[in-house]
Amino acid sequence: MPFRPAATARRRIGVVLLILLAALSGYGWWHTIKPLPAGLCLQGEKHLIAAGKVRFLADLTSGGPNGRRLVEQQIFAALFDLIDRAEHYVLVDFFLFNDRRGREAGLETKPLAGLLVRHLIERKQQVPELRIDVITDPINSAYGGARATELNALRAAGINLVVTDLKPLRDSNPLYSLWWRLLLRRLPDTGRFFPHPFAADGERVSLSSWLNLINFKANHRKVAIADQDGELISLVTSANPHGASRNHSNIGLLIADRRIAADLYRSELAVAKLSGGRLHELPRTRPARRPDNDDSALVVHVVTEENIRTEICATLDRAAATDRVRLAMFYLADRAVVEALLAADRRGVTVELILDPNRDAFGYRKSGVPNRPVAAELVRKSAGRIKIRWYRTHGEQFHSKLLLLEQADGRASLVLGSANLTRRNIGNFNLETDISASGALSVPPLNRVADYFERLWSNRDRTYTLPYSAFAEPARLKYLQYRLQEALGLGTF
């Protein structure tokens, strides 16, 4: 056979391209599974805490007749009180920490971030030796491309600010993040020609801001710690100090226990370290007392990142035929959780869900993904036994994130916090913090969570929720969209 140099060259080029493709695929895959920085994905120790030391908080917004709204807000009042009474130390870590108004310039807002800044600075002025640590996400400066007014005020007041470095985290959107890591992040951050991604009236930002945004990763935690009267008190919530989020419905737990605060602090210290920052030392406080009556105590522990998925699924797996599962959630998409809900239904568990219809996001109109196609799957596969109601939003969001298992023997288990039930939130991509608590359903805060859910489910004093038919979405095309976005990390949920 005659020698064919062109064919040989083509084969060599083909081999080189295959090697290059394999190397690129391996590089992208590695950044989706690489070990997390030390201290993340925490499974805190289980602590026995008196029920009176744990308080359930809820922010609730509901439309009413003639446009009158019901607005009940507890979370930020509790946070501001925590700061105003702090003696030696305050730590806060919030994802959204700004008063941007969203894409609708006329959107009604309340300066929650500005109020939080004011309380922190004023308390620092009152108690000069007070140590304050603030951790947040780079989304608040549009990833370095815009002014962060509230954060700049904290810096100017001498408050320790740590902006989370997201690069060490895993990539949830590898089809894009591969190219961002290799090339796009090296582009110069020059020129402010692009619209602000989060505010219609915001200043122009650079291309770099948008290139960072498409990575779809975040420090999504919502945590606070402060000391009062020799005790460390912690807040774990789903709420953000964010102007355009002022009317969102949210939940939280306020816990007066040094051990829980120490576990939360340890998880926050890991975030500071991966970001090249530091935290002040946690102050010494009196040791936690054992509850006088174990029957009225709660077993409480901290879970972060993928351990939240483990805790949720373990709670669902414990449910028996005579038990009831109640889930209130902003985003439900994670396949392990969906399968656990279906498995619980097959065992005869009563399963009730209140979901956000996923139609509003700061002036944007959303498509209903993922909640509507997931709800359709749950209803279809359970033959209608899984009951779903939609929160009746009016521009705001039903931003609550909680799971309650009510057992026939009078016990209950609760998981709540920052985490949506999606691959990104509970798959070791985002940074998230939840609290797990279990005990007798008759004691607070478990009975108060049950009452909160029942109030919304049964529309006790107004129309909070609508039947499944109000936003039923049986179309298979949206279901396919949800499955692809969830699997490939291409969605914002």
Protein backbone atom coordinates (compact mmCIF):
# COMPACT_ATOMS: atom_id res chain seq x y z
CA MET A 1 0.00 0.00 0.00
CA PRO A 2 1.42 3.37 -0.97
CA PHE A 3 2.36 5.78 1.82
CA ARG A 4 -0.35 8.43 2.46
CA PRO A 5 1.06 11.26 4.56
CA ALA A 6 -2.25 13.21 4.56
CA ALA A 7 -4.16 10.26 6.05
CA THR A 8 -1.46 9.75 8.68
CA ALA A 9 -1.55 13.42 9.63
CA ARG A 10 -5.33 13.31 9.95
CA ARG A 11 -5.10 10.29 12.23
CA ARG A 12 -2.53 12.05 14.40
CA ILE A 13 -4.69 15.16 14.60
CA GLY A 14 -7.65 12.96 15.52
CA VAL A 15 -5.68 11.30 18.31
CA VAL A 16 -4.51 14.67 19.62
CA LEU A 17 -8.07 15.99 19.57
CA LEU A 18 -9.34 12.91 21.42
CA ILE A 19 -6.64 13.31 24.05
CA LEU A 20 -7.48 17.00 24.38
CA LEU A 21 -11.20 16.24 24.68
CA ALA A 22 -10.50 13.60 27.33
CA ALA A 23 -8.27 16.02 29.25
CA LEU A 24 -10.89 18.78 29.12
CA SER A 25 -13.66 16.36 30.18
CA GLY A 26 -11.53 15.07 33.03
CA TYR A 27 -10.70 18.61 34.17
CA GLY A 28 -14.37 19.64 34.13
CA TRP A 29 -15.46 16.42 35.87
CA TRP A 30 -12.82 16.82 38.58
CA HIS A 31 -14.18 20.23 39.53
CA THR A 32 -17.64 18.70 40.07
CA ILE A 33 -16.41 16.00 42.47
CA LYS A 34 -13.20 17.39 44.03
CA PRO A 35 -12.92 17.33 47.83
CA LEU A 36 -14.53 20.27 49.58
CA PRO A 37 -12.34 22.60 51.63
CA ALA A 38 -11.84 21.41 55.20
CA GLY A 39 -14.70 22.07 57.59
CA LEU A 40 -17.51 22.09 55.03
CA CYS A 41 -20.30 19.49 54.80
CA LEU A 42 -20.59 19.49 58.59
CA GLN A 43 -22.60 16.95 60.56
CA GLY A 44 -22.80 18.52 63.99
CA GLU A 45 -23.07 16.57 67.22
CA LYS A 46 -26.56 15.91 68.57
CA HIS A 47 -27.29 17.98 71.66
CA LEU A 48 -30.14 17.66 74.15
CA ILE A 49 -31.65 21.13 74.61
CA ALA A 50 -34.61 22.31 76.66
CA ALA A 51 -37.54 23.07 74.35
CA GLY A 52 -37.82 26.54 75.88
CA LYS A 53 -34.37 27.36 74.49
CA VAL A 54 -35.56 26.93 70.88
CA ARG A 55 -38.00 29.37 69.27
CA PHE A 56 -39.68 29.10 65.88
CA LEU A 57 -39.92 32.31 63.84
CA ALA A 58 -41.95 33.02 60.72
CA ASP A 59 -42.39 35.86 58.27
CA LEU A 60 -45.70 35.55 56.47
CA THR A 61 -47.16 37.62 53.66
CA SER A 62 -50.55 36.90 52.16
CA GLY A 63 -52.85 38.79 49.83
CA GLY A 64 -56.32 39.69 50.99
CA PRO A 65 -59.59 41.21 49.85
CA ASN A 66 -59.45 44.66 48.23
CA GLY A 67 -55.69 44.34 47.89
CA ARG A 68 -55.12 44.39 51.66
CA ARG A 69 -52.12 42.32 52.65
CA LEU A 70 -51.42 40.41 55.80
CA VAL A 71 -47.77 40.95 56.73
CA GLU A 72 -46.43 39.23 59.85
CA GLN A 73 -42.66 39.53 60.33
CA GLN A 74 -40.65 38.12 63.21
CA ILE A 75 -37.24 37.14 61.86
CA PHE A 76 -35.45 40.46 61.45
CA ALA A 77 -36.96 41.88 64.63
CA ALA A 78 -35.36 38.93 66.44
CA LEU A 79 -32.06 39.42 64.60
CA PHE A 80 -31.91 43.15 65.38
CA ASP A 81 -32.70 42.45 69.03
CA LEU A 82 -29.91 39.87 69.08
CA ILE A 83 -27.44 42.47 67.80
CA ASP A 84 -28.71 45.29 70.00
CA ARG A 85 -28.13 43.20 73.13
CA ALA A 86 -24.82 41.59 72.09
CA GLU A 87 -22.05 42.07 74.66
CA HIS A 88 -18.86 40.62 73.19
CA TYR A 89 -19.45 39.04 69.78
CA VAL A 90 -21.66 39.04 66.69
CA LEU A 91 -21.34 36.92 63.56
CA VAL A 92 -23.68 37.13 60.58
CA ASP A 93 -23.50 35.24 57.28
CA PHE A 94 -26.14 36.12 54.68
CA PHE A 95 -26.31 35.39 50.96
CA LEU A 96 -28.17 38.50 49.81
CA PHE A 97 -26.98 41.55 51.75
CA ASN A 98 -28.12 44.54 49.71
CA ASP A 99 -31.12 46.76 49.11
CA ARG A 100 -31.32 46.44 45.33
CA ARG A 101 -34.89 46.68 44.08
CA GLY A 102 -34.87 43.98 41.43
CA ARG A 103 -35.63 44.38 37.76
CA GLU A 104 -38.75 46.45 38.41
CA ALA A 105 -37.51 49.89 39.39
CA GLY A 106 -40.82 50.62 41.12
CA LEU A 107 -40.77 47.45 43.23
CA GLU A 108 -41.73 48.21 46.82
CA THR A 109 -38.77 47.57 49.09
CA LYS A 110 -37.66 47.98 52.67
CA PRO A 111 -33.97 48.66 53.39
CA LEU A 112 -33.40 45.46 55.38
CA ALA A 113 -29.68 45.42 54.56
CA GLY A 114 -29.34 49.06 55.51
CA LEU A 115 -31.16 48.43 58.77
CA LEU A 116 -28.88 45.50 59.56
CA VAL A 117 -25.83 47.65 58.85
CA ARG A 118 -27.20 50.40 61.09
CA HIS A 119 -27.81 48.01 63.99
CA LEU A 120 -24.31 46.53 63.66
CA ILE A 121 -22.57 49.91 63.50
CA GLU A 122 -24.62 51.48 66.29
CA ARG A 123 -23.99 48.52 68.60
CA LYS A 124 -20.29 48.72 67.81
CA GLN A 125 -20.33 52.41 68.73
CA GLN A 126 -22.13 51.63 72.00
CA VAL A 127 -19.76 48.75 72.85
CA PRO A 128 -16.40 49.58 71.23
CA GLU A 129 -14.83 46.27 72.31
CA LEU A 130 -17.60 44.32 70.56
CA ARG A 131 -16.14 41.96 67.94
CA ILE A 132 -18.19 41.66 64.75
CA ASP A 133 -17.68 39.29 61.82
CA VAL A 134 -19.74 39.54 58.63
CA ILE A 135 -19.60 36.90 55.89
CA THR A 136 -21.45 37.25 52.61
CA ASP A 137 -21.52 36.27 48.94
CA PRO A 138 -19.90 38.20 46.04
CA ILE A 139 -23.31 38.46 44.36
CA ASN A 140 -23.86 41.65 46.39
CA SER A 141 -21.24 43.52 44.35
CA ALA A 142 -22.27 41.77 41.12
CA TYR A 143 -19.09 39.71 41.57
CA GLY A 144 -16.89 42.76 41.95
CA GLY A 145 -18.42 44.76 39.12
CA ALA A 146 -20.64 47.18 41.07
CA ARG A 147 -20.76 49.18 44.26
CA ALA A 148 -21.86 47.31 47.38
CA THR A 149 -23.09 50.25 49.44
CA GLU A 150 -23.98 48.29 52.56
CA LEU A 151 -20.75 46.28 52.59
CA ASN A 152 -18.67 49.41 52.04
CA ALA A 153 -20.34 50.98 55.08
CA LEU A 154 -19.31 48.00 57.19
CA ARG A 155 -15.71 48.27 55.99
CA ALA A 156 -15.67 51.98 56.74
CA ALA A 157 -16.85 51.25 60.29
CA GLY A 158 -13.95 48.86 60.85
CA ILE A 159 -16.12 45.73 60.91
CA ASN A 160 -14.44 42.52 59.76
CA LEU A 161 -15.95 41.59 56.39
CA VAL A 162 -15.31 38.32 54.55
CA VAL A 163 -16.57 38.01 50.98
CA THR A 164 -16.72 34.32 50.14
CA ASP A 165 -14.26 33.05 47.54
CA LEU A 166 -16.38 30.69 45.45
CA LYS A 167 -13.55 29.32 43.31
CA PRO A 168 -12.55 26.52 45.72
CA LEU A 169 -16.12 25.18 45.65
CA ARG A 170 -17.30 22.53 43.22
CA ASP A 171 -18.74 23.56 39.86
CA SER A 172 -22.46 22.87 39.55
CA ASN A 173 -22.52 24.07 35.91
CA PRO A 174 -19.52 22.21 34.42
CA LEU A 175 -20.47 22.74 30.77
CA TYR A 176 -19.80 26.43 31.34
CA SER A 177 -17.48 26.51 34.36
CA LEU A 178 -14.85 24.45 32.52
CA TRP A 179 -14.33 27.30 30.05
CA TRP A 180 -14.63 29.92 32.77
CA ARG A 181 -11.83 28.30 34.77
CA LEU A 182 -9.59 27.83 31.74
CA LEU A 183 -10.16 31.07 29.87
CA LEU A 184 -13.00 33.40 30.73
CA ARG A 185 -11.96 34.33 34.27
CA ARG A 186 -8.66 35.60 32.88
CA LEU A 187 -10.33 38.27 30.75
CA PRO A 188 -9.58 41.79 32.04
CA ASP A 189 -12.29 43.32 34.21
CA THR A 190 -12.61 46.51 32.20
CA GLY A 191 -15.42 48.53 30.69
CA ARG A 192 -18.84 48.99 32.27
CA PHE A 193 -21.12 48.47 29.29
CA PHE A 194 -23.57 45.80 30.48
CA PRO A 195 -26.79 46.21 32.49
CA HIS A 196 -26.71 45.38 36.18
CA PRO A 197 -27.99 41.78 36.49
CA PHE A 198 -30.12 42.44 39.59
CA ALA A 199 -31.38 46.02 39.40
CA ALA A 200 -33.06 47.92 36.59
CA ASP A 201 -31.75 51.20 37.99
CA GLY A 202 -28.30 49.83 38.89
CA GLU A 203 -25.07 51.09 37.41
CA ARG A 204 -23.53 49.38 34.41
CA VAL A 205 -21.22 46.44 35.05
CA SER A 206 -18.43 44.73 33.16
CA LEU A 207 -18.61 41.53 31.15
CA SER A 208 -16.69 39.88 33.99
CA SER A 209 -19.69 40.22 36.31
CA TRP A 210 -21.92 38.29 33.94
CA LEU A 211 -19.25 35.66 33.28
CA ASN A 212 -18.96 35.02 37.02
CA LEU A 213 -22.73 34.94 37.47
CA ILE A 214 -23.19 32.06 35.02
CA ASN A 215 -21.16 29.76 37.28
CA PHE A 216 -24.35 29.41 39.37
CA LYS A 217 -22.70 28.89 42.74
CA ALA A 218 -23.13 30.68 46.05
CA ASN A 219 -22.61 30.95 49.75
CA HIS A 220 -26.34 30.63 50.30
CA ARG A 221 -26.24 30.45 54.11
CA LYS A 222 -28.33 32.57 56.48
CA VAL A 223 -26.83 32.38 59.97
CA ALA A 224 -26.27 34.69 62.93
CA ILE A 225 -24.61 34.22 66.34
CA ALA A 226 -24.42 36.66 69.26
CA ASP A 227 -23.84 36.48 73.01
CA GLN A 228 -26.26 37.76 75.64
CA ASP A 229 -26.16 37.41 79.42
CA GLY A 230 -23.51 34.69 79.34
CA GLU A 231 -25.30 32.67 76.65
CA LEU A 232 -24.63 32.22 72.94
CA ILE A 233 -27.73 32.56 70.80
CA SER A 234 -27.94 31.45 67.18
CA LEU A 235 -30.34 32.18 64.35
CA VAL A 236 -30.66 29.85 61.36
CA THR A 237 -33.16 31.05 58.79
CA SER A 238 -34.28 31.10 55.16
CA ALA A 239 -34.50 34.92 55.11
CA ASN A 240 -32.09 37.41 53.53
CA PRO A 241 -31.48 41.06 54.51
CA HIS A 242 -32.42 42.16 51.02
CA GLY A 243 -34.68 45.04 50.08
CA ALA A 244 -36.55 43.29 47.29
CA SER A 245 -37.10 40.24 49.54
CA ARG A 246 -38.81 42.23 52.26
CA ASN A 247 -42.23 40.57 51.77
CA HIS A 248 -41.06 37.00 51.20
CA SER A 249 -42.50 34.37 53.51
CA ASN A 250 -39.66 32.79 55.50
CA ILE A 251 -38.92 30.69 58.58
CA GLY A 252 -36.17 30.41 61.18
CA LEU A 253 -35.07 28.95 64.51
CA LEU A 254 -33.59 30.95 67.38
CA ILE A 255 -31.52 28.67 69.62
CA ALA A 256 -29.98 29.63 72.98
CA ASP A 257 -27.27 27.01 73.38
CA ARG A 258 -23.48 27.36 73.32
CA ARG A 259 -22.93 23.96 71.69
CA ILE A 260 -25.07 24.74 68.66
CA ALA A 261 -23.39 28.13 68.33
CA ALA A 262 -19.97 26.45 68.49
CA ASP A 263 -20.89 24.04 65.68
CA LEU A 264 -22.23 26.89 63.56
CA TYR A 265 -19.12 28.94 64.26
CA ARG A 266 -16.91 26.02 63.22
CA SER A 267 -18.72 25.78 59.88
CA GLU A 268 -18.43 29.55 59.38
CA LEU A 269 -14.74 29.50 60.24
CA ALA A 270 -14.25 27.06 57.34
CA VAL A 271 -15.88 29.59 54.97
CA ALA A 272 -13.63 32.39 56.22
CA LYS A 273 -10.52 30.25 55.79
CA LEU A 274 -11.31 29.15 52.24
CA SER A 275 -11.82 32.83 51.42
CA GLY A 276 -8.50 33.93 52.88
CA GLY A 277 -10.22 35.68 55.77
CA ARG A 278 -10.36 35.32 59.53
CA LEU A 279 -12.89 35.40 62.33
CA HIS A 280 -12.64 36.67 65.86
CA GLU A 281 -12.64 34.05 68.58
CA LEU A 282 -15.96 32.87 69.94
CA PRO A 283 -16.36 34.28 73.47
CA ARG A 284 -16.40 31.98 76.47
CA THR A 285 -19.83 31.53 78.02
CA ARG A 286 -21.29 29.37 80.75
CA PRO A 287 -21.59 25.63 80.00
CA ALA A 288 -24.91 24.36 78.69
CA ARG A 289 -27.17 22.87 81.38
CA ARG A 290 -28.79 19.49 80.92
CA PRO A 291 -32.58 19.91 80.62
CA ASP A 292 -34.51 19.15 83.80
CA ASN A 293 -37.02 17.00 81.91
CA ASP A 294 -35.88 14.95 78.92
CA ASP A 295 -39.50 14.45 77.83
CA SER A 296 -39.80 18.18 77.04
CA ALA A 297 -36.35 18.47 75.49
CA LEU A 298 -35.23 18.44 71.87
CA VAL A 299 -32.36 16.67 70.18
CA VAL A 300 -30.82 19.37 67.97
CA HIS A 301 -27.87 19.39 65.58
CA VAL A 302 -26.39 21.41 62.71
CA VAL A 303 -26.18 20.04 59.18
CA THR A 304 -24.57 21.77 56.21
CA GLU A 305 -24.23 21.15 52.47
CA GLU A 306 -24.83 17.53 51.36
CA ASN A 307 -25.50 16.39 54.92
CA ILE A 308 -28.79 18.27 54.61
CA ARG A 309 -29.84 15.85 51.85
CA THR A 310 -28.78 12.94 54.04
CA GLU A 311 -30.84 14.29 56.96
CA ILE A 312 -33.91 14.99 54.82
CA CYS A 313 -33.87 11.54 53.22
CA ALA A 314 -33.24 9.79 56.54
CA THR A 315 -36.21 11.64 58.04
CA LEU A 316 -38.44 10.62 55.14
CA ASP A 317 -37.22 7.02 55.32
CA ARG A 318 -38.27 6.84 59.00
CA ALA A 319 -41.87 7.70 58.17
CA ALA A 320 -44.27 4.79 58.65
CA ALA A 321 -47.78 4.14 57.35
CA THR A 322 -49.51 5.97 60.19
CA ASP A 323 -47.21 9.03 60.06
CA ARG A 324 -47.53 12.33 58.23
CA VAL A 325 -44.90 14.25 56.25
CA ARG A 326 -45.38 17.98 55.73
CA LEU A 327 -43.02 19.91 53.45
CA ALA A 328 -42.98 23.68 52.78
CA MET A 329 -40.45 24.55 50.11
CA PHE A 330 -39.40 27.28 47.71
CA TYR A 331 -37.62 24.90 45.29
CA LEU A 332 -38.10 21.12 45.15
CA ALA A 333 -36.03 19.33 42.51
CA ASP A 334 -33.47 16.93 44.01
CA ARG A 335 -34.02 13.41 42.69
CA ALA A 336 -33.11 11.63 45.93
CA VAL A 337 -35.70 13.68 47.82
CA VAL A 338 -38.36 13.16 45.13
CA GLU A 339 -37.79 9.40 45.26
CA ALA A 340 -37.88 9.43 49.07
CA LEU A 341 -41.24 11.24 48.99
CA LEU A 342 -42.64 8.68 46.55
CA ALA A 343 -41.29 5.80 48.64
CA ALA A 344 -42.95 7.27 51.75
CA ASP A 345 -46.24 7.45 49.87
CA ARG A 346 -45.93 3.79 48.81
CA ARG A 347 -45.53 2.85 52.49
CA GLY A 348 -48.83 4.57 53.26
CA VAL A 349 -47.43 7.78 54.74
CA THR A 350 -49.62 10.87 54.41
CA VAL A 351 -47.58 13.35 52.36
CA GLU A 352 -48.58 17.03 52.14
CA LEU A 353 -46.59 19.73 50.33
CA ILE A 354 -46.91 23.51 50.16
CA LEU A 355 -44.81 24.81 47.27
CA ASP A 356 -44.04 28.19 45.74
CA PRO A 357 -45.49 28.29 42.19
CA ASN A 358 -42.15 29.62 40.87
CA ARG A 359 -43.72 32.47 38.93
CA ASP A 360 -42.08 35.58 40.47
CA ALA A 361 -38.44 36.60 40.98
CA PHE A 362 -37.78 40.29 41.67
CA GLY A 363 -39.65 41.55 38.62
CA TYR A 364 -38.92 38.60 36.36
CA ARG A 365 -41.73 36.25 35.34
CA LYS A 366 -40.62 32.65 35.86
CA SER A 367 -41.68 29.50 34.02
CA GLY A 368 -42.78 27.41 37.00
CA VAL A 369 -39.68 25.18 36.79
CA PRO A 370 -38.85 23.15 38.83
CA ASN A 371 -41.80 23.00 41.23
CA ARG A 372 -44.65 22.60 38.76
CA PRO A 373 -43.20 19.68 36.76
CA VAL A 374 -41.99 18.03 39.98
CA ALA A 375 -45.45 18.41 41.51
CA ALA A 376 -46.98 16.86 38.39
CA GLU A 377 -44.62 13.90 38.72
CA LEU A 378 -45.47 13.39 42.39
CA VAL A 379 -49.21 13.57 41.77
CA ARG A 380 -49.01 11.27 38.74
CA LYS A 381 -46.79 8.61 40.31
CA SER A 382 -48.73 8.59 43.59
CA ALA A 383 -52.08 8.41 41.79
CA GLY A 384 -53.05 11.63 43.54
CA ARG A 385 -52.32 10.41 47.06
CA ILE A 386 -49.56 12.98 47.57
CA LYS A 387 -51.41 16.22 48.26
CA ILE A 388 -49.98 19.51 47.00
CA ARG A 389 -51.08 23.08 47.54
CA TRP A 390 -49.50 26.23 46.10
CA TYR A 391 -48.76 29.28 48.18
CA ARG A 392 -50.80 32.20 46.88
CA THR A 393 -48.05 34.70 46.12
CA HIS A 394 -48.60 38.25 44.86
CA GLY A 395 -45.20 39.21 43.45
CA GLU A 396 -43.28 38.03 46.52
CA GLN A 397 -42.03 34.46 47.05
CA PHE A 398 -42.93 31.65 49.41
CA HIS A 399 -39.29 31.32 50.45
CA SER A 400 -39.75 28.94 53.40
CA LYS A 401 -37.71 25.73 53.59
CA LEU A 402 -38.82 23.14 56.12
CA LEU A 403 -39.70 19.47 56.54
CA LEU A 404 -41.81 18.21 59.44
CA LEU A 405 -42.39 14.52 60.18
CA GLU A 406 -45.30 13.93 62.57
CA GLN A 407 -45.24 10.37 63.92
CA ALA A 408 -48.20 8.42 65.27
CA ASP A 409 -46.39 7.87 68.59
CA GLY A 410 -46.39 11.61 69.27
CA ARG A 411 -42.79 12.24 68.22
CA ALA A 412 -41.76 14.66 65.49
CA SER A 413 -38.68 15.62 63.48
CA LEU A 414 -37.96 18.99 61.90
CA VAL A 415 -35.36 20.11 59.35
CA LEU A 416 -35.23 23.77 58.32
CA GLY A 417 -32.83 26.47 57.20
CA SER A 418 -31.35 27.99 54.08
CA ALA A 419 -31.40 24.99 51.75
CA ASN A 420 -33.75 24.48 48.87
CA LEU A 421 -34.10 20.82 47.98
CA THR A 422 -32.17 20.91 44.71
CA ARG A 423 -28.96 19.33 43.47
CA ARG A 424 -27.15 22.66 43.71
CA ASN A 425 -28.32 23.38 47.27
CA ILE A 426 -27.83 19.94 48.84
CA GLY A 427 -25.32 18.31 46.51
CA ASN A 428 -22.13 19.89 47.93
CA PHE A 429 -22.11 22.78 45.46
CA ASN A 430 -23.64 25.74 47.35
CA LEU A 431 -22.83 26.53 50.96
CA GLU A 432 -25.96 25.89 53.05
CA THR A 433 -26.89 25.58 56.74
CA ASP A 434 -29.90 23.79 58.28
CA ILE A 435 -30.93 22.73 61.76
CA SER A 436 -32.40 19.33 62.59
CA ALA A 437 -34.55 19.00 65.73
CA SER A 438 -36.59 16.11 67.08
CA GLY A 439 -38.70 15.49 70.15
CA ALA A 440 -42.31 15.32 71.31
CA LEU A 441 -44.69 17.01 68.86
CA SER A 442 -46.47 18.59 71.84
CA VAL A 443 -43.53 20.84 72.76
CA PRO A 444 -42.36 24.05 71.10
CA PRO A 445 -41.06 24.72 68.57
CA LEU A 446 -42.37 21.51 66.97
CA ASN A 447 -46.00 22.19 67.84
CA ARG A 448 -45.64 25.74 66.53
CA VAL A 449 -44.23 24.53 63.23
CA ALA A 450 -47.15 22.09 62.94
CA ASP A 451 -49.58 24.93 63.66
CA TYR A 452 -47.83 27.17 61.09
CA PHE A 453 -48.19 24.51 58.40
CA GLU A 454 -51.81 23.72 59.30
CA ARG A 455 -52.72 27.40 59.21
CA LEU A 456 -51.47 27.66 55.63
CA TRP A 457 -52.75 24.25 54.54
CA SER A 458 -56.31 24.71 55.77
CA ASN A 459 -56.53 28.47 55.05
CA ARG A 460 -57.51 28.97 58.67
CA ASP A 461 -58.02 32.74 58.69
CA ARG A 462 -57.61 33.72 55.00
CA THR A 463 -56.67 32.17 51.67
CA TYR A 464 -52.97 31.39 51.99
CA THR A 465 -52.81 28.43 49.62
CA LEU A 466 -54.50 27.27 46.44
CA PRO A 467 -55.33 23.73 45.26
CA TYR A 468 -52.95 21.79 43.03
CA SER A 469 -55.15 22.45 39.99
CA ALA A 470 -54.39 26.20 40.19
CA PHE A 471 -50.87 25.66 38.81
CA ALA A 472 -50.98 22.09 37.54
CA GLU A 473 -48.34 21.62 34.83
CA PRO A 474 -48.64 18.13 33.28
CA ALA A 475 -46.73 19.08 30.10
CA ARG A 476 -43.87 16.61 29.57
CA LEU A 477 -41.72 19.25 27.83
CA LYS A 478 -41.32 21.24 31.06
CA TYR A 479 -40.60 18.03 32.92
CA LEU A 480 -37.81 17.27 30.45
CA GLN A 481 -36.52 20.84 30.86
CA TYR A 482 -36.42 20.41 34.64
CA ARG A 483 -34.62 17.05 34.48
CA LEU A 484 -31.96 18.37 32.10
CA GLN A 485 -31.39 21.56 34.09
CA GLU A 486 -31.21 19.68 37.38
CA ALA A 487 -28.81 17.04 36.05
CA LEU A 488 -26.50 19.38 34.12
CA GLY A 489 -26.59 22.39 36.43
CA LEU A 490 -28.03 24.64 33.74
CA GLY A 491 -30.82 26.18 35.82
CA THR A 492 -30.74 28.93 38.42
CA PHE A 493 -32.54 26.75 40.99
